[in-house]
């Protein structure tokens, strides 16, 4: 029993080191259109101009799951599990 408690104690001591911390910025569904407007891409989202970074499905308000900024460019991820699980 003491060995078990020792292992648990050591696990929690190293717990913060086991996972890298990445800040996550989130927006409520109700604020999504305001965010898109502030980015100046409302017409492009409405028309499906942008595509998912992983599967190239046209992005609309109905299937937009995430937005990433890579090398100064906005990348969009759709709601498909296989795409969203890659981020």
PDB file of N, CA and C in Angstrom:
ATOM      1  N   UNK A   1       0.820  -1.194   0.000  1.00  0.00           N
ATOM      2  CA  UNK A   1       0.000   0.000   0.000  1.00  0.00           C
ATOM      3  C   UNK A   1       0.864   1.259   0.000  1.00  0.00           C
ATOM      4  N   UNK A   2       1.954   1.248   0.784  1.00  0.00           N
ATOM      5  CA  UNK A   2       2.827   2.415   0.839  1.00  0.00           C
ATOM      6  C   UNK A   2       3.483   2.676  -0.511  1.00  0.00           C
ATOM      7  N   UNK A   3       3.866   1.606  -1.203  1.00  0.00           N
ATOM      8  CA  UNK A   3       4.479   1.746  -2.518  1.00  0.00           C
ATOM      9  C   UNK A   3       3.493   2.366  -3.494  1.00  0.00           C
ATOM     10  N   UNK A   4       2.245   1.931  -3.440  1.00  0.00           N
ATOM     11  CA  UNK A   4       1.206   2.468  -4.305  1.00  0.00           C
ATOM     12  C   UNK A   4       1.020   3.969  -4.055  1.00  0.00           C
ATOM     13  N   UNK A   5       0.925   4.376  -2.806  1.00  0.00           N
ATOM     14  CA  UNK A   5       0.765   5.786  -2.460  1.00  0.00           C
ATOM     15  C   UNK A   5       1.985   6.595  -2.886  1.00  0.00           C
ATOM     16  N   UNK A   6       3.164   5.999  -2.764  1.00  0.00           N
ATOM     17  CA  UNK A   6       4.385   6.667  -3.198  1.00  0.00           C
ATOM     18  C   UNK A   6       4.345   6.931  -4.702  1.00  0.00           C
ATOM     19  N   UNK A   7       3.907   5.945  -5.481  1.00  0.00           N
ATOM     20  CA  UNK A   7       3.827   6.099  -6.933  1.00  0.00           C
ATOM     21  C   UNK A   7       2.818   7.177  -7.316  1.00  0.00           C
ATOM     22  N   UNK A   8       1.684   7.197  -6.642  1.00  0.00           N
ATOM     23  CA  UNK A   8       0.674   8.224  -6.928  1.00  0.00           C
ATOM     24  C   UNK A   8       1.218   9.605  -6.583  1.00  0.00           C
ATOM     25  N   UNK A   9       1.862   9.720  -5.441  1.00  0.00           N
ATOM     26  CA  UNK A   9       2.432  11.004  -5.023  1.00  0.00           C
ATOM     27  C   UNK A   9       3.457  11.492  -6.048  1.00  0.00           C
ATOM     28  N   UNK A  10       4.319  10.619  -6.510  1.00  0.00           N
ATOM     29  CA  UNK A  10       5.318  11.002  -7.514  1.00  0.00           C
ATOM     30  C   UNK A  10       4.681  11.360  -8.850  1.00  0.00           C
ATOM     31  N   UNK A  11       3.614  10.653  -9.209  1.00  0.00           N
ATOM     32  CA  UNK A  11       2.920  10.980 -10.454  1.00  0.00           C
ATOM     33  C   UNK A  11       2.407  12.406 -10.417  1.00  0.00           C
ATOM     34  N   UNK A  12       1.776  12.799  -9.316  1.00  0.00           N
ATOM     35  CA  UNK A  12       1.212  14.134  -9.226  1.00  0.00           C
ATOM     36  C   UNK A  12       2.283  15.210  -9.092  1.00  0.00           C
ATOM     37  N   UNK A  13       3.444  14.863  -8.594  1.00  0.00           N
ATOM     38  CA  UNK A  13       4.543  15.823  -8.566  1.00  0.00           C
ATOM     39  C   UNK A  13       5.002  16.162  -9.976  1.00  0.00           C
ATOM     40  N   UNK A  14       5.000  15.179 -10.854  1.00  0.00           N
ATOM     41  CA  UNK A  14       5.460  15.393 -12.229  1.00  0.00           C
ATOM     42  C   UNK A  14       4.310  15.702 -13.186  1.00  0.00           C
ATOM     43  N   UNK A  15       3.084  15.763 -12.667  1.00  0.00           N
ATOM     44  CA  UNK A  15       1.909  15.966 -13.514  1.00  0.00           C
ATOM     45  C   UNK A  15       2.014  17.186 -14.423  1.00  0.00           C
ATOM     46  N   UNK A  16       2.381  18.372 -13.913  1.00  0.00           N
ATOM     47  CA  UNK A  16       2.462  19.530 -14.812  1.00  0.00           C
ATOM     48  C   UNK A  16       3.479  19.350 -15.933  1.00  0.00           C
ATOM     49  N   UNK A  17       4.533  18.585 -15.685  1.00  0.00           N
ATOM     50  CA  UNK A  17       5.552  18.379 -16.711  1.00  0.00           C
ATOM     51  C   UNK A  17       5.112  17.412 -17.799  1.00  0.00           C
ATOM     52  N   UNK A  18       4.075  16.637 -17.536  1.00  0.00           N
ATOM     53  CA  UNK A  18       3.645  15.622 -18.489  1.00  0.00           C
ATOM     54  C   UNK A  18       2.840  16.197 -19.649  1.00  0.00           C
ATOM     55  N   UNK A  19       2.301  17.363 -19.478  1.00  0.00           N
ATOM     56  CA  UNK A  19       1.447  17.959 -20.502  1.00  0.00           C
ATOM     57  C   UNK A  19       1.945  19.357 -20.808  1.00  0.00           C
ATOM     58  N   UNK A  20       2.066  19.669 -22.079  1.00  0.00           N
ATOM     59  CA  UNK A  20       2.438  21.027 -22.436  1.00  0.00           C
ATOM     60  C   UNK A  20       1.197  21.907 -22.340  1.00  0.00           C
ATOM     61  N   UNK A  21       1.384  23.103 -21.938  1.00  0.00           N
ATOM     62  CA  UNK A  21       0.262  24.025 -21.799  1.00  0.00           C
ATOM     63  C   UNK A  21       0.193  24.911 -23.035  1.00  0.00           C
ATOM     64  N   UNK A  22      -0.959  24.908 -23.654  1.00  0.00           N
ATOM     65  CA  UNK A  22      -1.204  25.733 -24.815  1.00  0.00           C
ATOM     66  C   UNK A  22      -2.440  26.566 -24.546  1.00  0.00           C
ATOM     67  N   UNK A  23      -2.334  27.883 -24.637  1.00  0.00           N
ATOM     68  CA  UNK A  23      -3.523  28.689 -24.385  1.00  0.00           C
ATOM     69  C   UNK A  23      -4.588  28.426 -25.450  1.00  0.00           C
ATOM     70  N   UNK A  24      -5.811  28.331 -25.006  1.00  0.00           N
ATOM     71  CA  UNK A  24      -6.927  28.094 -25.914  1.00  0.00           C
ATOM     72  C   UNK A  24      -7.860  29.284 -25.824  1.00  0.00           C
ATOM     73  N   UNK A  25      -8.136  29.860 -26.937  1.00  0.00           N
ATOM     74  CA  UNK A  25      -9.091  30.964 -26.977  1.00  0.00           C
ATOM     75  C   UNK A  25     -10.386  30.423 -27.532  1.00  0.00           C
ATOM     76  N   UNK A  26     -11.454  30.753 -26.865  1.00  0.00           N
ATOM     77  CA  UNK A  26     -12.758  30.224 -27.255  1.00  0.00           C
ATOM     78  C   UNK A  26     -13.744  31.364 -27.414  1.00  0.00           C
ATOM     79  N   UNK A  27     -14.779  31.096 -28.177  1.00  0.00           N
ATOM     80  CA  UNK A  27     -15.841  32.073 -28.383  1.00  0.00           C
ATOM     81  C   UNK A  27     -17.172  31.332 -28.304  1.00  0.00           C
ATOM     82  N   UNK A  28     -18.150  31.963 -27.704  1.00  0.00           N
ATOM     83  CA  UNK A  28     -19.486  31.371 -27.639  1.00  0.00           C
ATOM     84  C   UNK A  28     -20.115  31.353 -29.023  1.00  0.00           C
ATOM     85  N   UNK A  29     -20.996  30.384 -29.256  1.00  0.00           N
ATOM     86  CA  UNK A  29     -21.711  30.320 -30.533  1.00  0.00           C
ATOM     87  C   UNK A  29     -22.417  31.636 -30.846  1.00  0.00           C
ATOM     88  N   UNK A  30     -22.972  32.237 -29.804  1.00  0.00           N
ATOM     89  CA  UNK A  30     -23.717  33.489 -30.003  1.00  0.00           C
ATOM     90  C   UNK A  30     -22.817  34.641 -30.443  1.00  0.00           C
ATOM     91  N   UNK A  31     -21.508  34.546 -30.192  1.00  0.00           N
ATOM     92  CA  UNK A  31     -20.563  35.599 -30.574  1.00  0.00           C
ATOM     93  C   UNK A  31     -19.777  35.275 -31.833  1.00  0.00           C
ATOM     94  N   UNK A  32     -20.006  34.102 -32.409  1.00  0.00           N
ATOM     95  CA  UNK A  32     -19.214  33.673 -33.561  1.00  0.00           C
ATOM     96  C   UNK A  32     -19.366  34.620 -34.745  1.00  0.00           C
ATOM     97  N   UNK A  33     -20.583  35.014 -35.048  1.00  0.00           N
ATOM     98  CA  UNK A  33     -20.781  35.904 -36.200  1.00  0.00           C
ATOM     99  C   UNK A  33     -20.112  37.254 -35.973  1.00  0.00           C
ATOM    100  N   UNK A  34     -20.103  37.732 -34.737  1.00  0.00           N
ATOM    101  CA  UNK A  34     -19.399  38.989 -34.438  1.00  0.00           C
ATOM    102  C   UNK A  34     -17.895  38.834 -34.661  1.00  0.00           C
ATOM    103  N   UNK A  35     -17.348  37.695 -34.272  1.00  0.00           N
ATOM    104  CA  UNK A  35     -15.921  37.442 -34.498  1.00  0.00           C
ATOM    105  C   UNK A  35     -15.618  37.409 -35.996  1.00  0.00           C
ATOM    106  N   UNK A  36     -16.443  36.695 -36.741  1.00  0.00           N
ATOM    107  CA  UNK A  36     -16.242  36.600 -38.196  1.00  0.00           C
ATOM    108  C   UNK A  36     -16.345  37.973 -38.837  1.00  0.00           C
ATOM    109  N   UNK A  37     -17.307  38.776 -38.374  1.00  0.00           N
ATOM    110  CA  UNK A  37     -17.431  40.146 -38.885  1.00  0.00           C
ATOM    111  C   UNK A  37     -16.184  40.967 -38.569  1.00  0.00           C
ATOM    112  N   UNK A  38     -15.659  40.829 -37.343  1.00  0.00           N
ATOM    113  CA  UNK A  38     -14.482  41.608 -36.957  1.00  0.00           C
ATOM    114  C   UNK A  38     -13.250  41.193 -37.761  1.00  0.00           C
ATOM    115  N   UNK A  39     -13.218  39.953 -38.226  1.00  0.00           N
ATOM    116  CA  UNK A  39     -12.122  39.495 -39.074  1.00  0.00           C
ATOM    117  C   UNK A  39     -12.316  39.900 -40.533  1.00  0.00           C
ATOM    118  N   UNK A  40     -13.518  40.385 -40.862  1.00  0.00           N
ATOM    119  CA  UNK A  40     -13.801  40.841 -42.222  1.00  0.00           C
ATOM    120  C   UNK A  40     -13.973  39.714 -43.220  1.00  0.00           C
ATOM    121  N   UNK A  41     -14.457  38.555 -42.769  1.00  0.00           N
ATOM    122  CA  UNK A  41     -14.582  37.400 -43.670  1.00  0.00           C
ATOM    123  C   UNK A  41     -16.005  36.853 -43.718  1.00  0.00           C
ATOM    124  N   UNK A  42     -16.962  37.674 -43.359  1.00  0.00           N
ATOM    125  CA  UNK A  42     -18.370  37.229 -43.307  1.00  0.00           C
ATOM    126  C   UNK A  42     -18.859  36.741 -44.671  1.00  0.00           C
ATOM    127  N   UNK A  43     -18.611  37.497 -45.720  1.00  0.00           N
ATOM    128  CA  UNK A  43     -19.081  37.101 -47.060  1.00  0.00           C
ATOM    129  C   UNK A  43     -18.437  35.795 -47.512  1.00  0.00           C
ATOM    130  N   UNK A  44     -17.160  35.622 -47.191  1.00  0.00           N
ATOM    131  CA  UNK A  44     -16.453  34.394 -47.584  1.00  0.00           C
ATOM    132  C   UNK A  44     -17.010  33.171 -46.853  1.00  0.00           C
ATOM    133  N   UNK A  45     -17.349  33.329 -45.568  1.00  0.00           N
ATOM    134  CA  UNK A  45     -17.941  32.220 -44.817  1.00  0.00           C
ATOM    135  C   UNK A  45     -19.337  31.925 -45.342  1.00  0.00           C
ATOM    136  N   UNK A  46     -20.123  32.970 -45.599  1.00  0.00           N
ATOM    137  CA  UNK A  46     -21.482  32.776 -46.126  1.00  0.00           C
ATOM    138  C   UNK A  46     -21.476  32.047 -47.463  1.00  0.00           C
ATOM    139  N   UNK A  47     -20.469  32.315 -48.285  1.00  0.00           N
ATOM    140  CA  UNK A  47     -20.423  31.713 -49.621  1.00  0.00           C
ATOM    141  C   UNK A  47     -19.627  30.406 -49.674  1.00  0.00           C
ATOM    142  N   UNK A  48     -19.005  30.022 -48.567  1.00  0.00           N
ATOM    143  CA  UNK A  48     -18.236  28.775 -48.554  1.00  0.00           C
ATOM    144  C   UNK A  48     -16.912  28.875 -49.282  1.00  0.00           C
ATOM    145  N   UNK A  49     -16.326  30.056 -49.302  1.00  0.00           N
ATOM    146  CA  UNK A  49     -15.050  30.271 -49.989  1.00  0.00           C
ATOM    147  C   UNK A  49     -13.906  29.532 -49.320  1.00  0.00           C
ATOM    148  N   UNK A  50     -13.884  29.542 -47.999  1.00  0.00           N
ATOM    149  CA  UNK A  50     -12.809  28.871 -47.264  1.00  0.00           C
ATOM    150  C   UNK A  50     -13.097  27.384 -47.158  1.00  0.00           C
ATOM    151  N   UNK A  51     -12.026  26.600 -47.069  1.00  0.00           N
ATOM    152  CA  UNK A  51     -12.165  25.143 -46.968  1.00  0.00           C
ATOM    153  C   UNK A  51     -11.463  24.652 -45.707  1.00  0.00           C
ATOM    154  N   UNK A  52     -11.884  23.497 -45.242  1.00  0.00           N
ATOM    155  CA  UNK A  52     -11.267  22.862 -44.080  1.00  0.00           C
ATOM    156  C   UNK A  52      -9.798  22.572 -44.388  1.00  0.00           C
ATOM    157  N   UNK A  53      -8.964  22.843 -43.442  1.00  0.00           N
ATOM    158  CA  UNK A  53      -7.521  22.628 -43.565  1.00  0.00           C
ATOM    159  C   UNK A  53      -7.179  21.169 -43.854  1.00  0.00           C
ATOM    160  N   UNK A  54      -8.001  20.242 -43.373  1.00  0.00           N
ATOM    161  CA  UNK A  54      -7.674  18.828 -43.486  1.00  0.00           C
ATOM    162  C   UNK A  54      -8.420  18.103 -44.606  1.00  0.00           C
ATOM    163  N   UNK A  55      -9.694  18.417 -44.820  1.00  0.00           N
ATOM    164  CA  UNK A  55     -10.471  17.641 -45.795  1.00  0.00           C
ATOM    165  C   UNK A  55     -10.987  18.463 -46.965  1.00  0.00           C
ATOM    166  N   UNK A  56     -10.718  19.746 -46.970  1.00  0.00           N
ATOM    167  CA  UNK A  56     -11.125  20.658 -48.045  1.00  0.00           C
ATOM    168  C   UNK A  56     -12.629  20.819 -48.213  1.00  0.00           C
ATOM    169  N   UNK A  57     -13.412  20.460 -47.200  1.00  0.00           N
ATOM    170  CA  UNK A  57     -14.849  20.725 -47.216  1.00  0.00           C
ATOM    171  C   UNK A  57     -15.061  22.228 -47.099  1.00  0.00           C
ATOM    172  N   UNK A  58     -15.938  22.809 -47.924  1.00  0.00           N
ATOM    173  CA  UNK A  58     -16.213  24.247 -47.789  1.00  0.00           C
ATOM    174  C   UNK A  58     -16.718  24.573 -46.378  1.00  0.00           C
ATOM    175  N   UNK A  59     -16.193  25.644 -45.797  1.00  0.00           N
ATOM    176  CA  UNK A  59     -16.551  26.053 -44.443  1.00  0.00           C
ATOM    177  C   UNK A  59     -17.715  27.034 -44.488  1.00  0.00           C
ATOM    178  N   UNK A  60     -18.727  26.732 -43.671  1.00  0.00           N
ATOM    179  CA  UNK A  60     -19.875  27.620 -43.485  1.00  0.00           C
ATOM    180  C   UNK A  60     -20.071  27.802 -41.980  1.00  0.00           C
ATOM    181  N   UNK A  61     -21.036  28.630 -41.597  1.00  0.00           N
ATOM    182  CA  UNK A  61     -21.314  28.796 -40.172  1.00  0.00           C
ATOM    183  C   UNK A  61     -21.790  27.487 -39.545  1.00  0.00           C
ATOM    184  N   UNK A  62     -22.430  26.645 -40.317  1.00  0.00           N
ATOM    185  CA  UNK A  62     -22.968  25.395 -39.785  1.00  0.00           C
ATOM    186  C   UNK A  62     -21.887  24.356 -39.477  1.00  0.00           C
ATOM    187  N   UNK A  63     -20.779  24.389 -40.191  1.00  0.00           N
ATOM    188  CA  UNK A  63     -19.760  23.354 -39.969  1.00  0.00           C
ATOM    189  C   UNK A  63     -18.408  23.903 -39.501  1.00  0.00           C
ATOM    190  N   UNK A  64     -18.355  25.153 -39.101  1.00  0.00           N
ATOM    191  CA  UNK A  64     -17.111  25.745 -38.605  1.00  0.00           C
ATOM    192  C   UNK A  64     -16.879  25.301 -37.170  1.00  0.00           C
ATOM    193  N   UNK A  65     -15.763  24.628 -36.914  1.00  0.00           N
ATOM    194  CA  UNK A  65     -15.459  24.126 -35.574  1.00  0.00           C
ATOM    195  C   UNK A  65     -14.302  24.894 -34.936  1.00  0.00           C
ATOM    196  N   UNK A  66     -13.299  25.266 -35.726  1.00  0.00           N
ATOM    197  CA  UNK A  66     -12.138  25.954 -35.158  1.00  0.00           C
ATOM    198  C   UNK A  66     -11.464  26.811 -36.217  1.00  0.00           C
ATOM    199  N   UNK A  67     -10.773  27.834 -35.727  1.00  0.00           N
ATOM    200  CA  UNK A  67      -9.962  28.705 -36.577  1.00  0.00           C
ATOM    201  C   UNK A  67      -8.567  28.728 -35.973  1.00  0.00           C
ATOM    202  N   UNK A  68      -7.574  28.515 -36.813  1.00  0.00           N
ATOM    203  CA  UNK A  68      -6.180  28.584 -36.376  1.00  0.00           C
ATOM    204  C   UNK A  68      -5.461  29.636 -37.203  1.00  0.00           C
ATOM    205  N   UNK A  69      -4.456  30.233 -36.615  1.00  0.00           N
ATOM    206  CA  UNK A  69      -3.613  31.158 -37.356  1.00  0.00           C
ATOM    207  C   UNK A  69      -2.262  30.498 -37.547  1.00  0.00           C
ATOM    208  N   UNK A  70      -1.896  30.270 -38.792  1.00  0.00           N
ATOM    209  CA  UNK A  70      -0.609  29.654 -39.127  1.00  0.00           C
ATOM    210  C   UNK A  70       0.118  30.546 -40.123  1.00  0.00           C
ATOM    211  N   UNK A  71       1.313  30.902 -39.779  1.00  0.00           N
ATOM    212  CA  UNK A  71       2.159  31.761 -40.618  1.00  0.00           C
ATOM    213  C   UNK A  71       1.385  32.961 -41.158  1.00  0.00           C
ATOM    214  N   UNK A  72       0.637  33.598 -40.262  1.00  0.00           N
ATOM    215  CA  UNK A  72      -0.107  34.801 -40.629  1.00  0.00           C
ATOM    216  C   UNK A  72      -1.379  34.567 -41.407  1.00  0.00           C
ATOM    217  N   UNK A  73      -1.728  33.333 -41.650  1.00  0.00           N
ATOM    218  CA  UNK A  73      -2.914  32.977 -42.428  1.00  0.00           C
ATOM    219  C   UNK A  73      -3.934  32.287 -41.549  1.00  0.00           C
ATOM    220  N   UNK A  74      -5.215  32.543 -41.790  1.00  0.00           N
ATOM    221  CA  UNK A  74      -6.268  31.852 -41.060  1.00  0.00           C
ATOM    222  C   UNK A  74      -6.533  30.492 -41.700  1.00  0.00           C
ATOM    223  N   UNK A  75      -6.587  29.471 -40.873  1.00  0.00           N
ATOM    224  CA  UNK A  75      -6.919  28.111 -41.321  1.00  0.00           C
ATOM    225  C   UNK A  75      -8.184  27.694 -40.582  1.00  0.00           C
ATOM    226  N   UNK A  76      -9.079  27.021 -41.273  1.00  0.00           N
ATOM    227  CA  UNK A  76     -10.369  26.634 -40.716  1.00  0.00           C
ATOM    228  C   UNK A  76     -10.459  25.120 -40.608  1.00  0.00           C
ATOM    229  N   UNK A  77     -11.141  24.673 -39.558  1.00  0.00           N
ATOM    230  CA  UNK A  77     -11.343  23.241 -39.342  1.00  0.00           C
ATOM    231  C   UNK A  77     -12.836  22.991 -39.228  1.00  0.00           C
ATOM    232  N   UNK A  78     -13.300  21.973 -39.925  1.00  0.00           N
ATOM    233  CA  UNK A  78     -14.733  21.662 -39.934  1.00  0.00           C
ATOM    234  C   UNK A  78     -15.104  20.792 -38.735  1.00  0.00           C
ATOM    235  N   UNK A  79     -16.370  20.443 -38.654  1.00  0.00           N
ATOM    236  CA  UNK A  79     -16.885  19.701 -37.501  1.00  0.00           C
ATOM    237  C   UNK A  79     -16.701  18.197 -37.602  1.00  0.00           C
ATOM    238  N   UNK A  80     -16.139  17.689 -38.695  1.00  0.00           N
ATOM    239  CA  UNK A  80     -15.911  16.242 -38.795  1.00  0.00           C
ATOM    240  C   UNK A  80     -14.920  15.818 -37.716  1.00  0.00           C
ATOM    241  N   UNK A  81     -15.242  14.732 -37.042  1.00  0.00           N
ATOM    242  CA  UNK A  81     -14.407  14.256 -35.949  1.00  0.00           C
ATOM    243  C   UNK A  81     -12.975  13.991 -36.398  1.00  0.00           C
ATOM    244  N   UNK A  82     -12.807  13.406 -37.566  1.00  0.00           N
ATOM    245  CA  UNK A  82     -11.452  13.088 -38.045  1.00  0.00           C
ATOM    246  C   UNK A  82     -10.630  14.351 -38.313  1.00  0.00           C
ATOM    247  N   UNK A  83     -11.286  15.460 -38.615  1.00  0.00           N
ATOM    248  CA  UNK A  83     -10.564  16.721 -38.822  1.00  0.00           C
ATOM    249  C   UNK A  83     -10.295  17.404 -37.494  1.00  0.00           C
ATOM    250  N   UNK A  84     -11.322  17.522 -36.666  1.00  0.00           N
ATOM    251  CA  UNK A  84     -11.170  18.231 -35.395  1.00  0.00           C
ATOM    252  C   UNK A  84     -10.207  17.524 -34.460  1.00  0.00           C
ATOM    253  N   UNK A  85     -10.131  16.218 -34.536  1.00  0.00           N
ATOM    254  CA  UNK A  85      -9.233  15.482 -33.640  1.00  0.00           C
ATOM    255  C   UNK A  85      -7.767  15.678 -34.000  1.00  0.00           C
ATOM    256  N   UNK A  86      -7.470  16.249 -35.147  1.00  0.00           N
ATOM    257  CA  UNK A  86      -6.086  16.472 -35.564  1.00  0.00           C
ATOM    258  C   UNK A  86      -5.466  17.737 -34.972  1.00  0.00           C
ATOM    259  N   UNK A  87      -6.299  18.573 -34.354  1.00  0.00           N
ATOM    260  CA  UNK A  87      -5.736  19.815 -33.801  1.00  0.00           C
ATOM    261  C   UNK A  87      -5.448  19.674 -32.327  1.00  0.00           C
TER     262      UNK A  87
END
